Amino acid sequence: MIRVLLADDQALMRAGFRALLDAEDHLEVVGEATDGTSAVQMSRCLRPDVVLMDVQMPGLDGIEATRRIAADPDLAATRVLILTNYGLDSYVFAALRAGASGFLLKDADPADLLHAVTVVARGDALLAPTVTRTLISEFVAGPPPAEPTAGRDVLTAREQEIVELVARGLTNDEIAARMVISPLTAKTHVNRAMTKLHCRDRAQLVVWAYESGLITPRRR
């Protein structure tokens, strides 16, 4: 059973999400928060597997609420999936840097939302090609990134290669095919890289890859 906390200031949106999620046998809505502050408080109290987090809420917004949840060691197992009406622009990078595991527009198909919750709950990142493209655009347009906490020297050459492929948007199966290894071996390398770099999940690994300079965005 995947336990979900809803965080959205619009009652109608919360009701729609609850109806959709509660209809699934493997999903359970354990609470509803109306702003970022209550989302953080309820996460600490309820320990959900996934928080569906709106970006624009009164008071504490969804980005800062995500940052506080991700920074809390007691909530290490809680994943945040950002939901918004807004386009994939400046929110994407801010959300991923804050610790979000995924990003989805509210007008996505119901099946996509259900899939997203499941993906994020098992510890994977939900990085659609549109999100990856926006990340690249952010790095191309923005100033040079600051030096990351952990440098590339902590990774083996093989791990660096795999992190680069993750940052390019490849799945474990695609990485395995590219490198002629098993999917399990690819997953093991990814997990080791995340541990060494102190990344919560693949989304954080992608951010690290760009910030460290391992990946250089291709200018158009």
N, C-alpha and C. Protein backbone atom coordinates (compact mmCIF):
# COMPACT_ATOMS: atom_id res chain seq x y z
N MET A 1 0.84 -1.20 0.00
CA MET A 1 0.00 0.00 0.00
C MET A 1 0.87 1.25 0.00
N ILE A 2 0.64 2.14 -0.94
CA ILE A 2 1.37 3.41 -1.03
C ILE A 2 0.52 4.49 -0.36
N ARG A 3 1.09 5.12 0.67
CA ARG A 3 0.38 6.13 1.44
C ARG A 3 0.71 7.52 0.88
N VAL A 4 -0.34 8.27 0.55
CA VAL A 4 -0.18 9.54 -0.16
C VAL A 4 -0.76 10.70 0.65
N LEU A 5 0.01 11.80 0.72
CA LEU A 5 -0.47 13.04 1.31
C LEU A 5 -0.72 14.04 0.19
N LEU A 6 -1.89 14.68 0.17
CA LEU A 6 -2.22 15.68 -0.82
C LEU A 6 -1.93 17.07 -0.25
N ALA A 7 -1.24 17.91 -1.02
CA ALA A 7 -0.95 19.28 -0.59
C ALA A 7 -1.34 20.24 -1.71
N ASP A 8 -2.50 20.86 -1.55
CA ASP A 8 -3.01 21.79 -2.56
C ASP A 8 -4.02 22.70 -1.88
N ASP A 9 -3.97 24.00 -2.19
CA ASP A 9 -4.88 24.93 -1.52
C ASP A 9 -6.27 24.93 -2.13
N GLN A 10 -6.47 24.24 -3.24
CA GLN A 10 -7.78 24.20 -3.87
C GLN A 10 -8.52 22.92 -3.49
N ALA A 11 -9.64 23.08 -2.81
CA ALA A 11 -10.41 21.94 -2.32
C ALA A 11 -10.88 21.04 -3.46
N LEU A 12 -11.26 21.65 -4.58
CA LEU A 12 -11.75 20.86 -5.71
C LEU A 12 -10.64 19.97 -6.27
N MET A 13 -9.42 20.49 -6.34
CA MET A 13 -8.30 19.69 -6.83
C MET A 13 -8.02 18.53 -5.87
N ARG A 14 -8.04 18.81 -4.58
CA ARG A 14 -7.79 17.75 -3.60
C ARG A 14 -8.85 16.66 -3.70
N ALA A 15 -10.09 17.07 -3.86
CA ALA A 15 -11.19 16.09 -3.95
C ALA A 15 -11.02 15.21 -5.19
N GLY A 16 -10.61 15.83 -6.30
CA GLY A 16 -10.41 15.07 -7.53
C GLY A 16 -9.27 14.08 -7.40
N PHE A 17 -8.15 14.53 -6.81
CA PHE A 17 -7.01 13.64 -6.62
C PHE A 17 -7.37 12.50 -5.67
N ARG A 18 -8.10 12.82 -4.59
CA ARG A 18 -8.47 11.79 -3.62
C ARG A 18 -9.35 10.72 -4.27
N ALA A 19 -10.34 11.16 -5.04
CA ALA A 19 -11.23 10.20 -5.69
C ALA A 19 -10.46 9.28 -6.63
N LEU A 20 -9.51 9.86 -7.36
CA LEU A 20 -8.71 9.08 -8.31
C LEU A 20 -7.82 8.07 -7.58
N LEU A 21 -7.14 8.53 -6.54
CA LEU A 21 -6.18 7.67 -5.85
C LEU A 21 -6.87 6.61 -5.00
N ASP A 22 -7.94 6.99 -4.30
CA ASP A 22 -8.62 6.04 -3.42
C ASP A 22 -9.31 4.93 -4.20
N ALA A 23 -9.51 5.14 -5.49
CA ALA A 23 -10.14 4.10 -6.32
C ALA A 23 -9.17 2.97 -6.63
N GLU A 24 -7.88 3.19 -6.37
CA GLU A 24 -6.86 2.17 -6.63
C GLU A 24 -6.58 1.36 -5.36
N ASP A 25 -6.52 0.04 -5.51
CA ASP A 25 -6.32 -0.84 -4.35
C ASP A 25 -4.99 -0.62 -3.65
N HIS A 26 -3.96 -0.21 -4.41
CA HIS A 26 -2.63 -0.10 -3.82
C HIS A 26 -2.28 1.31 -3.35
N LEU A 27 -3.26 2.23 -3.43
CA LEU A 27 -3.02 3.62 -3.03
C LEU A 27 -3.99 4.04 -1.93
N GLU A 28 -3.50 4.84 -0.99
CA GLU A 28 -4.34 5.33 0.10
C GLU A 28 -3.97 6.78 0.41
N VAL A 29 -4.96 7.65 0.38
CA VAL A 29 -4.76 9.06 0.76
C VAL A 29 -4.87 9.14 2.28
N VAL A 30 -3.78 9.55 2.94
CA VAL A 30 -3.75 9.55 4.41
C VAL A 30 -3.99 10.94 4.99
N GLY A 31 -4.00 11.98 4.14
CA GLY A 31 -4.23 13.32 4.67
C GLY A 31 -4.26 14.35 3.57
N GLU A 32 -4.75 15.56 3.92
CA GLU A 32 -4.83 16.67 2.98
C GLU A 32 -4.29 17.92 3.65
N ALA A 33 -3.35 18.58 2.99
CA ALA A 33 -2.77 19.83 3.49
C ALA A 33 -3.19 20.97 2.56
N THR A 34 -3.45 22.15 3.13
CA THR A 34 -3.92 23.28 2.33
C THR A 34 -2.84 24.32 2.07
N ASP A 35 -1.66 24.13 2.65
CA ASP A 35 -0.55 25.04 2.40
C ASP A 35 0.76 24.32 2.70
N GLY A 36 1.88 24.98 2.40
CA GLY A 36 3.18 24.35 2.56
C GLY A 36 3.51 24.02 4.00
N THR A 37 3.15 24.91 4.91
CA THR A 37 3.45 24.68 6.33
C THR A 37 2.76 23.42 6.84
N SER A 38 1.47 23.28 6.54
CA SER A 38 0.74 22.10 6.99
C SER A 38 1.23 20.85 6.27
N ALA A 39 1.71 20.99 5.03
CA ALA A 39 2.26 19.84 4.31
C ALA A 39 3.48 19.28 5.03
N VAL A 40 4.35 20.17 5.50
CA VAL A 40 5.54 19.74 6.24
C VAL A 40 5.14 19.11 7.56
N GLN A 41 4.24 19.75 8.29
CA GLN A 41 3.80 19.25 9.59
C GLN A 41 3.12 17.89 9.46
N MET A 42 2.25 17.75 8.47
CA MET A 42 1.53 16.49 8.29
C MET A 42 2.46 15.39 7.79
N SER A 43 3.47 15.76 7.02
CA SER A 43 4.45 14.76 6.58
C SER A 43 5.18 14.18 7.78
N ARG A 44 5.56 15.04 8.72
CA ARG A 44 6.27 14.58 9.92
C ARG A 44 5.38 13.72 10.80
N CYS A 45 4.09 14.02 10.79
CA CYS A 45 3.15 13.27 11.64
C CYS A 45 2.72 11.96 10.98
N LEU A 46 2.40 11.99 9.70
CA LEU A 46 1.81 10.84 9.00
C LEU A 46 2.83 9.95 8.30
N ARG A 47 4.03 10.48 8.01
CA ARG A 47 5.08 9.75 7.30
C ARG A 47 4.55 9.10 6.01
N PRO A 48 4.02 9.87 5.09
CA PRO A 48 3.52 9.29 3.83
C PRO A 48 4.67 8.80 2.96
N ASP A 49 4.35 7.93 2.03
CA ASP A 49 5.35 7.48 1.06
C ASP A 49 5.57 8.54 -0.01
N VAL A 50 4.47 9.20 -0.39
CA VAL A 50 4.52 10.22 -1.45
C VAL A 50 3.69 11.43 -1.03
N VAL A 51 4.23 12.62 -1.29
CA VAL A 51 3.46 13.86 -1.12
C VAL A 51 3.21 14.43 -2.50
N LEU A 52 1.94 14.60 -2.86
CA LEU A 52 1.58 15.29 -4.10
C LEU A 52 1.54 16.77 -3.75
N MET A 53 2.51 17.53 -4.22
CA MET A 53 2.74 18.90 -3.77
C MET A 53 2.45 19.93 -4.86
N ASP A 54 1.51 20.82 -4.58
CA ASP A 54 1.27 21.95 -5.48
C ASP A 54 2.39 22.97 -5.30
N VAL A 55 2.71 23.70 -6.35
CA VAL A 55 3.78 24.70 -6.26
C VAL A 55 3.29 25.98 -5.61
N GLN A 56 2.20 26.54 -6.14
CA GLN A 56 1.71 27.83 -5.67
C GLN A 56 0.66 27.63 -4.58
N MET A 57 1.05 27.88 -3.33
CA MET A 57 0.13 27.82 -2.21
C MET A 57 0.38 29.03 -1.31
N PRO A 58 -0.63 29.45 -0.55
CA PRO A 58 -0.45 30.62 0.32
C PRO A 58 0.57 30.34 1.42
N GLY A 59 1.26 31.40 1.84
CA GLY A 59 2.26 31.23 2.88
C GLY A 59 3.49 30.53 2.33
N LEU A 60 3.82 29.40 2.92
CA LEU A 60 4.96 28.60 2.47
C LEU A 60 4.61 27.90 1.16
N ASP A 61 5.37 28.15 0.11
CA ASP A 61 5.02 27.53 -1.18
C ASP A 61 5.52 26.10 -1.26
N GLY A 62 5.15 25.43 -2.36
CA GLY A 62 5.47 24.01 -2.50
C GLY A 62 6.95 23.73 -2.63
N ILE A 63 7.72 24.67 -3.21
CA ILE A 63 9.16 24.47 -3.37
C ILE A 63 9.85 24.45 -2.01
N GLU A 64 9.54 25.44 -1.16
CA GLU A 64 10.16 25.50 0.16
C GLU A 64 9.68 24.34 1.05
N ALA A 65 8.41 23.97 0.92
CA ALA A 65 7.91 22.82 1.68
C ALA A 65 8.65 21.55 1.27
N THR A 66 8.89 21.40 -0.02
CA THR A 66 9.65 20.25 -0.52
C THR A 66 11.06 20.25 0.06
N ARG A 67 11.69 21.43 0.08
CA ARG A 67 13.05 21.54 0.61
C ARG A 67 13.10 21.10 2.09
N ARG A 68 12.11 21.49 2.86
CA ARG A 68 12.09 21.14 4.29
C ARG A 68 11.84 19.65 4.50
N ILE A 69 10.98 19.08 3.69
CA ILE A 69 10.73 17.64 3.78
C ILE A 69 11.97 16.85 3.41
N ALA A 70 12.62 17.25 2.31
CA ALA A 70 13.81 16.54 1.84
C ALA A 70 14.97 16.66 2.83
N ALA A 71 15.02 17.76 3.58
CA ALA A 71 16.12 18.00 4.51
C ALA A 71 15.91 17.31 5.85
N ASP A 72 14.72 16.80 6.10
CA ASP A 72 14.41 16.18 7.38
C ASP A 72 14.83 14.70 7.35
N PRO A 73 15.82 14.31 8.16
CA PRO A 73 16.27 12.91 8.14
C PRO A 73 15.19 11.91 8.53
N ASP A 74 14.20 12.35 9.29
CA ASP A 74 13.10 11.46 9.66
C ASP A 74 12.16 11.19 8.50
N LEU A 75 12.29 11.99 7.43
CA LEU A 75 11.42 11.82 6.26
C LEU A 75 12.21 11.34 5.05
N ALA A 76 13.31 10.63 5.31
CA ALA A 76 14.17 10.16 4.22
C ALA A 76 13.43 9.25 3.25
N ALA A 77 12.40 8.56 3.73
CA ALA A 77 11.66 7.63 2.87
C ALA A 77 10.50 8.30 2.15
N THR A 78 10.23 9.57 2.46
CA THR A 78 9.12 10.28 1.83
C THR A 78 9.57 10.95 0.54
N ARG A 79 8.83 10.73 -0.54
CA ARG A 79 9.14 11.32 -1.83
C ARG A 79 8.11 12.39 -2.19
N VAL A 80 8.56 13.42 -2.86
CA VAL A 80 7.66 14.52 -3.24
C VAL A 80 7.49 14.55 -4.75
N LEU A 81 6.24 14.56 -5.18
CA LEU A 81 5.90 14.69 -6.58
C LEU A 81 5.23 16.04 -6.77
N ILE A 82 5.88 16.93 -7.51
CA ILE A 82 5.37 18.28 -7.72
C ILE A 82 4.26 18.28 -8.77
N LEU A 83 3.14 18.91 -8.42
CA LEU A 83 2.02 19.06 -9.35
C LEU A 83 1.72 20.55 -9.51
N THR A 84 1.53 20.99 -10.73
CA THR A 84 1.26 22.41 -10.95
C THR A 84 0.49 22.64 -12.24
N ASN A 85 -0.20 23.77 -12.29
CA ASN A 85 -0.87 24.19 -13.52
C ASN A 85 0.08 24.90 -14.47
N TYR A 86 1.23 25.26 -13.94
CA TYR A 86 2.15 26.11 -14.69
C TYR A 86 3.05 25.28 -15.60
N GLY A 87 3.59 25.94 -16.62
CA GLY A 87 4.43 25.26 -17.59
C GLY A 87 5.75 24.81 -17.00
N LEU A 88 6.42 23.94 -17.70
CA LEU A 88 7.71 23.41 -17.26
C LEU A 88 8.81 24.45 -17.50
N ASP A 89 8.90 25.41 -16.60
CA ASP A 89 9.90 26.45 -16.78
C ASP A 89 10.79 26.54 -15.56
N SER A 90 10.83 27.69 -14.91
CA SER A 90 11.75 27.88 -13.79
C SER A 90 11.41 26.99 -12.60
N TYR A 91 10.17 26.49 -12.53
CA TYR A 91 9.80 25.64 -11.40
C TYR A 91 10.54 24.31 -11.41
N VAL A 92 10.85 23.81 -12.60
CA VAL A 92 11.45 22.48 -12.70
C VAL A 92 12.76 22.40 -11.94
N PHE A 93 13.68 23.27 -12.26
CA PHE A 93 14.99 23.21 -11.62
C PHE A 93 14.88 23.49 -10.14
N ALA A 94 14.06 24.47 -9.76
CA ALA A 94 13.89 24.79 -8.34
C ALA A 94 13.33 23.60 -7.57
N ALA A 95 12.37 22.92 -8.17
CA ALA A 95 11.74 21.78 -7.50
C ALA A 95 12.72 20.62 -7.33
N LEU A 96 13.48 20.32 -8.37
CA LEU A 96 14.44 19.22 -8.29
C LEU A 96 15.57 19.54 -7.33
N ARG A 97 16.04 20.77 -7.35
CA ARG A 97 17.10 21.16 -6.40
C ARG A 97 16.59 21.10 -4.97
N ALA A 98 15.31 21.37 -4.79
CA ALA A 98 14.73 21.34 -3.45
C ALA A 98 14.59 19.91 -2.93
N GLY A 99 14.64 18.94 -3.84
CA GLY A 99 14.55 17.55 -3.41
C GLY A 99 13.37 16.78 -3.96
N ALA A 100 12.63 17.37 -4.91
CA ALA A 100 11.50 16.66 -5.51
C ALA A 100 11.98 15.48 -6.34
N SER A 101 11.17 14.44 -6.36
CA SER A 101 11.51 13.24 -7.13
C SER A 101 10.83 13.22 -8.48
N GLY A 102 9.95 14.17 -8.71
CA GLY A 102 9.25 14.18 -9.99
C GLY A 102 8.47 15.46 -10.16
N PHE A 103 7.96 15.65 -11.38
CA PHE A 103 7.28 16.89 -11.74
C PHE A 103 6.21 16.54 -12.76
N LEU A 104 4.97 16.93 -12.49
CA LEU A 104 3.87 16.57 -13.38
C LEU A 104 2.89 17.73 -13.45
N LEU A 105 2.37 17.99 -14.66
CA LEU A 105 1.36 19.02 -14.82
C LEU A 105 0.00 18.48 -14.40
N LYS A 106 -0.84 19.35 -13.85
CA LYS A 106 -2.14 18.91 -13.34
C LYS A 106 -3.08 18.46 -14.46
N ASP A 107 -2.80 18.84 -15.70
CA ASP A 107 -3.66 18.42 -16.79
C ASP A 107 -3.21 17.09 -17.40
N ALA A 108 -2.29 16.41 -16.71
CA ALA A 108 -1.85 15.10 -17.19
C ALA A 108 -3.01 14.11 -17.12
N ASP A 109 -2.94 13.07 -17.94
CA ASP A 109 -3.97 12.03 -17.90
C ASP A 109 -3.97 11.34 -16.54
N PRO A 110 -5.14 10.91 -16.05
CA PRO A 110 -5.21 10.20 -14.77
C PRO A 110 -4.26 9.01 -14.71
N ALA A 111 -4.14 8.27 -15.80
CA ALA A 111 -3.24 7.11 -15.81
C ALA A 111 -1.79 7.54 -15.59
N ASP A 112 -1.42 8.72 -16.13
CA ASP A 112 -0.06 9.22 -15.95
C ASP A 112 0.20 9.59 -14.49
N LEU A 113 -0.80 10.16 -13.83
CA LEU A 113 -0.65 10.52 -12.42
C LEU A 113 -0.49 9.27 -11.56
N LEU A 114 -1.32 8.27 -11.81
CA LEU A 114 -1.22 7.02 -11.04
C LEU A 114 0.15 6.36 -11.25
N HIS A 115 0.61 6.38 -12.48
CA HIS A 115 1.93 5.82 -12.79
C HIS A 115 3.02 6.62 -12.08
N ALA A 116 2.87 7.94 -12.07
CA ALA A 116 3.87 8.80 -11.44
C ALA A 116 4.00 8.52 -9.95
N VAL A 117 2.88 8.36 -9.28
CA VAL A 117 2.90 8.07 -7.85
C VAL A 117 3.62 6.76 -7.57
N THR A 118 3.34 5.76 -8.37
CA THR A 118 3.97 4.45 -8.20
C THR A 118 5.47 4.52 -8.45
N VAL A 119 5.86 5.23 -9.50
CA VAL A 119 7.28 5.36 -9.85
C VAL A 119 8.04 6.06 -8.74
N VAL A 120 7.51 7.18 -8.28
CA VAL A 120 8.18 7.96 -7.24
C VAL A 120 8.23 7.19 -5.92
N ALA A 121 7.17 6.47 -5.60
CA ALA A 121 7.11 5.72 -4.34
C ALA A 121 8.19 4.66 -4.25
N ARG A 122 8.57 4.07 -5.37
CA ARG A 122 9.59 3.02 -5.32
C ARG A 122 11.01 3.59 -5.38
N GLY A 123 11.11 4.92 -5.34
CA GLY A 123 12.43 5.54 -5.25
C GLY A 123 13.03 5.99 -6.56
N ASP A 124 12.28 5.83 -7.65
CA ASP A 124 12.78 6.27 -8.95
C ASP A 124 12.36 7.72 -9.19
N ALA A 125 13.01 8.35 -10.13
CA ALA A 125 12.67 9.73 -10.48
C ALA A 125 11.73 9.75 -11.67
N LEU A 126 10.81 10.71 -11.64
CA LEU A 126 9.91 10.89 -12.78
C LEU A 126 10.45 12.06 -13.59
N LEU A 127 11.28 11.74 -14.57
CA LEU A 127 11.90 12.78 -15.39
C LEU A 127 11.50 12.57 -16.85
N ALA A 128 10.43 13.21 -17.22
CA ALA A 128 9.98 13.13 -18.61
C ALA A 128 10.95 13.88 -19.51
N PRO A 129 10.98 13.56 -20.80
CA PRO A 129 11.88 14.28 -21.72
C PRO A 129 11.70 15.79 -21.67
N THR A 130 10.46 16.27 -21.46
CA THR A 130 10.24 17.71 -21.38
C THR A 130 10.95 18.30 -20.17
N VAL A 131 10.98 17.56 -19.07
CA VAL A 131 11.67 18.03 -17.88
C VAL A 131 13.17 18.07 -18.12
N THR A 132 13.70 17.03 -18.74
CA THR A 132 15.13 17.00 -19.05
C THR A 132 15.52 18.15 -19.96
N ARG A 133 14.71 18.42 -20.96
CA ARG A 133 15.01 19.53 -21.87
C ARG A 133 15.00 20.87 -21.13
N THR A 134 14.05 21.02 -20.20
CA THR A 134 13.97 22.26 -19.43
C THR A 134 15.18 22.41 -18.52
N LEU A 135 15.61 21.31 -17.92
CA LEU A 135 16.81 21.33 -17.09
C LEU A 135 18.01 21.81 -17.91
N ILE A 136 18.16 21.26 -19.10
CA ILE A 136 19.28 21.63 -19.97
C ILE A 136 19.21 23.12 -20.31
N SER A 137 18.01 23.59 -20.65
CA SER A 137 17.85 25.00 -20.99
C SER A 137 18.22 25.90 -19.82
N GLU A 138 17.87 25.46 -18.61
CA GLU A 138 18.19 26.23 -17.41
C GLU A 138 19.70 26.38 -17.26
N PHE A 139 20.42 25.30 -17.48
CA PHE A 139 21.87 25.36 -17.32
C PHE A 139 22.54 26.14 -18.44
N VAL A 140 21.98 26.08 -19.64
CA VAL A 140 22.54 26.84 -20.76
C VAL A 140 22.37 28.34 -20.51
N ALA A 141 21.20 28.73 -20.02
CA ALA A 141 20.89 30.15 -19.86
C ALA A 141 21.45 30.74 -18.57
N GLY A 142 21.65 29.89 -17.55
CA GLY A 142 22.04 30.39 -16.25
C GLY A 142 23.53 30.56 -16.09
N PRO A 143 23.96 31.13 -14.93
CA PRO A 143 25.38 31.31 -14.65
C PRO A 143 26.05 29.98 -14.37
N PRO A 144 27.39 29.91 -14.39
CA PRO A 144 28.09 28.66 -14.09
C PRO A 144 27.69 28.16 -12.71
N PRO A 145 27.45 26.85 -12.55
CA PRO A 145 27.01 26.32 -11.27
C PRO A 145 28.12 26.37 -10.23
N ALA A 146 27.69 26.40 -8.96
CA ALA A 146 28.65 26.36 -7.87
C ALA A 146 29.26 24.97 -7.77
N GLU A 147 30.40 24.87 -7.11
CA GLU A 147 31.06 23.58 -6.95
C GLU A 147 30.19 22.66 -6.11
N PRO A 148 29.89 21.46 -6.57
CA PRO A 148 29.04 20.55 -5.80
C PRO A 148 29.74 20.06 -4.55
N THR A 149 28.94 19.55 -3.62
CA THR A 149 29.49 19.07 -2.35
C THR A 149 30.47 17.93 -2.56
N ALA A 150 30.07 16.97 -3.36
CA ALA A 150 30.94 15.83 -3.65
C ALA A 150 31.46 15.94 -5.07
N GLY A 151 32.77 15.79 -5.26
CA GLY A 151 33.37 15.92 -6.57
C GLY A 151 33.33 14.63 -7.35
N ARG A 152 33.71 14.73 -8.62
CA ARG A 152 33.68 13.57 -9.51
C ARG A 152 34.70 12.51 -9.11
N ASP A 153 35.70 12.90 -8.32
CA ASP A 153 36.74 11.95 -7.97
C ASP A 153 36.25 10.83 -7.07
N VAL A 154 35.05 10.97 -6.50
CA VAL A 154 34.54 9.90 -5.64
C VAL A 154 33.93 8.77 -6.47
N LEU A 155 33.72 9.01 -7.76
CA LEU A 155 33.12 8.01 -8.63
C LEU A 155 34.18 7.30 -9.46
N THR A 156 33.94 6.04 -9.72
CA THR A 156 34.80 5.31 -10.66
C THR A 156 34.47 5.78 -12.07
N ALA A 157 35.32 5.44 -13.03
CA ALA A 157 35.08 5.83 -14.42
C ALA A 157 33.76 5.23 -14.92
N ARG A 158 33.48 4.00 -14.53
CA ARG A 158 32.23 3.35 -14.95
C ARG A 158 31.02 4.07 -14.33
N GLU A 159 31.14 4.44 -13.08
CA GLU A 159 30.03 5.14 -12.41
C GLU A 159 29.79 6.51 -13.04
N GLN A 160 30.87 7.20 -13.41
CA GLN A 160 30.70 8.49 -14.07
C GLN A 160 29.97 8.33 -15.39
N GLU A 161 30.32 7.28 -16.12
CA GLU A 161 29.67 7.03 -17.41
C GLU A 161 28.19 6.76 -17.21
N ILE A 162 27.87 6.00 -16.19
CA ILE A 162 26.47 5.66 -15.93
C ILE A 162 25.68 6.88 -15.46
N VAL A 163 26.29 7.70 -14.60
CA VAL A 163 25.62 8.92 -14.15
C VAL A 163 25.33 9.84 -15.35
N GLU A 164 26.26 9.90 -16.28
CA GLU A 164 26.06 10.71 -17.48
C GLU A 164 24.85 10.21 -18.26
N LEU A 165 24.71 8.89 -18.38
CA LEU A 165 23.57 8.33 -19.11
C LEU A 165 22.26 8.58 -18.37
N VAL A 166 22.30 8.51 -17.04
CA VAL A 166 21.12 8.85 -16.25
C VAL A 166 20.71 10.29 -16.52
N ALA A 167 21.70 11.18 -16.55
CA ALA A 167 21.43 12.60 -16.78
C ALA A 167 20.91 12.86 -18.19
N ARG A 168 21.23 11.96 -19.12
CA ARG A 168 20.71 12.09 -20.48
C ARG A 168 19.29 11.56 -20.59
N GLY A 169 18.78 10.98 -19.49
CA GLY A 169 17.40 10.52 -19.47
C GLY A 169 17.20 9.05 -19.72
N LEU A 170 18.27 8.24 -19.72
CA LEU A 170 18.14 6.81 -20.00
C LEU A 170 17.66 6.06 -18.75
N THR A 171 16.86 5.04 -18.97
CA THR A 171 16.42 4.16 -17.89
C THR A 171 17.51 3.12 -17.62
N ASN A 172 17.34 2.35 -16.54
CA ASN A 172 18.31 1.29 -16.24
C ASN A 172 18.41 0.29 -17.38
N ASP A 173 17.27 -0.07 -17.97
CA ASP A 173 17.28 -1.03 -19.08
C ASP A 173 18.03 -0.46 -20.28
N GLU A 174 17.83 0.82 -20.55
CA GLU A 174 18.51 1.46 -21.68
C GLU A 174 20.01 1.60 -21.42
N ILE A 175 20.36 1.89 -20.17
CA ILE A 175 21.77 1.96 -19.79
C ILE A 175 22.42 0.59 -19.95
N ALA A 176 21.72 -0.44 -19.51
CA ALA A 176 22.24 -1.81 -19.62
C ALA A 176 22.50 -2.18 -21.07
N ALA A 177 21.55 -1.84 -21.95
CA ALA A 177 21.72 -2.15 -23.37
C ALA A 177 22.88 -1.37 -23.97
N ARG A 178 23.02 -0.11 -23.59
CA ARG A 178 24.08 0.73 -24.13
C ARG A 178 25.46 0.22 -23.70
N MET A 179 25.56 -0.24 -22.44
CA MET A 179 26.86 -0.62 -21.89
C MET A 179 27.10 -2.12 -21.91
N VAL A 180 26.12 -2.86 -22.44
CA VAL A 180 26.20 -4.32 -22.54
C VAL A 180 26.44 -4.94 -21.15
N ILE A 181 25.56 -4.56 -20.22
CA ILE A 181 25.56 -5.15 -18.89
C ILE A 181 24.12 -5.48 -18.55
N SER A 182 23.90 -6.16 -17.44
CA SER A 182 22.53 -6.51 -17.06
C SER A 182 21.85 -5.31 -16.42
N PRO A 183 20.52 -5.25 -16.49
CA PRO A 183 19.79 -4.16 -15.82
C PRO A 183 20.08 -4.10 -14.33
N LEU A 184 20.26 -5.28 -13.70
CA LEU A 184 20.57 -5.30 -12.27
C LEU A 184 21.91 -4.65 -11.98
N THR A 185 22.90 -4.92 -12.84
CA THR A 185 24.22 -4.30 -12.68
C THR A 185 24.13 -2.79 -12.88
N ALA A 186 23.34 -2.38 -13.86
CA ALA A 186 23.16 -0.94 -14.09
C ALA A 186 22.53 -0.29 -12.86
N LYS A 187 21.52 -0.93 -12.31
CA LYS A 187 20.85 -0.39 -11.12
C LYS A 187 21.81 -0.31 -9.95
N THR A 188 22.67 -1.32 -9.81
CA THR A 188 23.65 -1.34 -8.71
C THR A 188 24.61 -0.16 -8.84
N HIS A 189 25.09 0.09 -10.06
CA HIS A 189 26.00 1.22 -10.29
C HIS A 189 25.31 2.55 -9.97
N VAL A 190 24.05 2.67 -10.38
CA VAL A 190 23.30 3.90 -10.12
C VAL A 190 23.14 4.11 -8.61
N ASN A 191 22.79 3.05 -7.91
CA ASN A 191 22.60 3.16 -6.46
C ASN A 191 23.90 3.51 -5.75
N ARG A 192 25.02 2.93 -6.19
CA ARG A 192 26.31 3.25 -5.59
C ARG A 192 26.67 4.70 -5.81
N ALA A 193 26.40 5.20 -7.01
CA ALA A 193 26.69 6.61 -7.32
C ALA A 193 25.84 7.53 -6.44
N MET A 194 24.57 7.19 -6.27
CA MET A 194 23.70 8.01 -5.42
C MET A 194 24.20 8.03 -3.98
N THR A 195 24.66 6.87 -3.49
CA THR A 195 25.18 6.79 -2.13
C THR A 195 26.43 7.65 -1.97
N LYS A 196 27.35 7.54 -2.91
CA LYS A 196 28.61 8.29 -2.83
C LYS A 196 28.38 9.80 -2.92
N LEU A 197 27.39 10.20 -3.70
CA LEU A 197 27.15 11.62 -3.93
C LEU A 197 26.08 12.19 -3.01
N HIS A 198 25.55 11.34 -2.11
CA HIS A 198 24.52 11.77 -1.16
C HIS A 198 23.28 12.29 -1.88
N CYS A 199 22.89 11.60 -2.95
CA CYS A 199 21.70 11.97 -3.71
C CYS A 199 20.53 11.10 -3.25
N ARG A 200 19.38 11.73 -3.06
CA ARG A 200 18.20 11.00 -2.60
C ARG A 200 17.69 10.03 -3.67
N ASP A 201 17.77 10.44 -4.93
CA ASP A 201 17.22 9.62 -6.01
C ASP A 201 17.81 10.06 -7.33
N ARG A 202 17.27 9.52 -8.42
CA ARG A 202 17.81 9.80 -9.75
C ARG A 202 17.65 11.27 -10.13
N ALA A 203 16.59 11.90 -9.65
CA ALA A 203 16.40 13.31 -9.96
C ALA A 203 17.56 14.14 -9.43
N GLN A 204 17.96 13.85 -8.19
CA GLN A 204 19.09 14.56 -7.60
C GLN A 204 20.39 14.23 -8.33
N LEU A 205 20.47 13.01 -8.84
CA LEU A 205 21.66 12.60 -9.59
C LEU A 205 21.78 13.41 -10.88
N VAL A 206 20.65 13.67 -11.53
CA VAL A 206 20.66 14.48 -12.74
C VAL A 206 21.12 15.90 -12.44
N VAL A 207 20.58 16.48 -11.36
CA VAL A 207 21.00 17.83 -10.98
C VAL A 207 22.50 17.86 -10.71
N TRP A 208 23.00 16.86 -9.96
CA TRP A 208 24.43 16.82 -9.64
C TRP A 208 25.28 16.74 -10.92
N ALA A 209 24.83 15.94 -11.89
CA ALA A 209 25.60 15.75 -13.11
C ALA A 209 25.81 17.07 -13.85
N TYR A 210 24.79 17.91 -13.87
CA TYR A 210 24.92 19.20 -14.54
C TYR A 210 25.70 20.19 -13.69
N GLU A 211 25.45 20.20 -12.39
CA GLU A 211 26.14 21.15 -11.52
C GLU A 211 27.64 20.86 -11.44
N SER A 212 28.00 19.59 -11.52
CA SER A 212 29.41 19.22 -11.39
C SER A 212 30.18 19.43 -12.68
N GLY A 213 29.45 19.65 -13.78
CA GLY A 213 30.12 19.79 -15.07
C GLY A 213 30.34 18.46 -15.77
N LEU A 214 29.86 17.36 -15.16
CA LEU A 214 29.98 16.06 -15.81
C LEU A 214 29.24 16.08 -17.15
N ILE A 215 28.10 16.77 -17.14
CA ILE A 215 27.32 16.96 -18.37
C ILE A 215 27.41 18.42 -18.78
N THR A 216 27.72 18.65 -20.03
CA THR A 216 27.73 20.00 -20.58
C THR A 216 26.56 20.13 -21.53
N PRO A 217 25.59 20.98 -21.23
CA PRO A 217 24.43 21.12 -22.10
C PRO A 217 24.85 21.46 -23.53
N ARG A 218 24.20 20.86 -24.48
CA ARG A 218 24.48 21.13 -25.88
C ARG A 218 23.77 22.42 -26.28
N ARG A 219 24.52 23.43 -26.61
CA ARG A 219 23.91 24.69 -27.05
C ARG A 219 23.40 24.54 -28.48
N ARG A 220 22.25 25.12 -28.68
CA ARG A 220 21.64 25.03 -30.02
C ARG A 220 22.11 26.16 -30.90
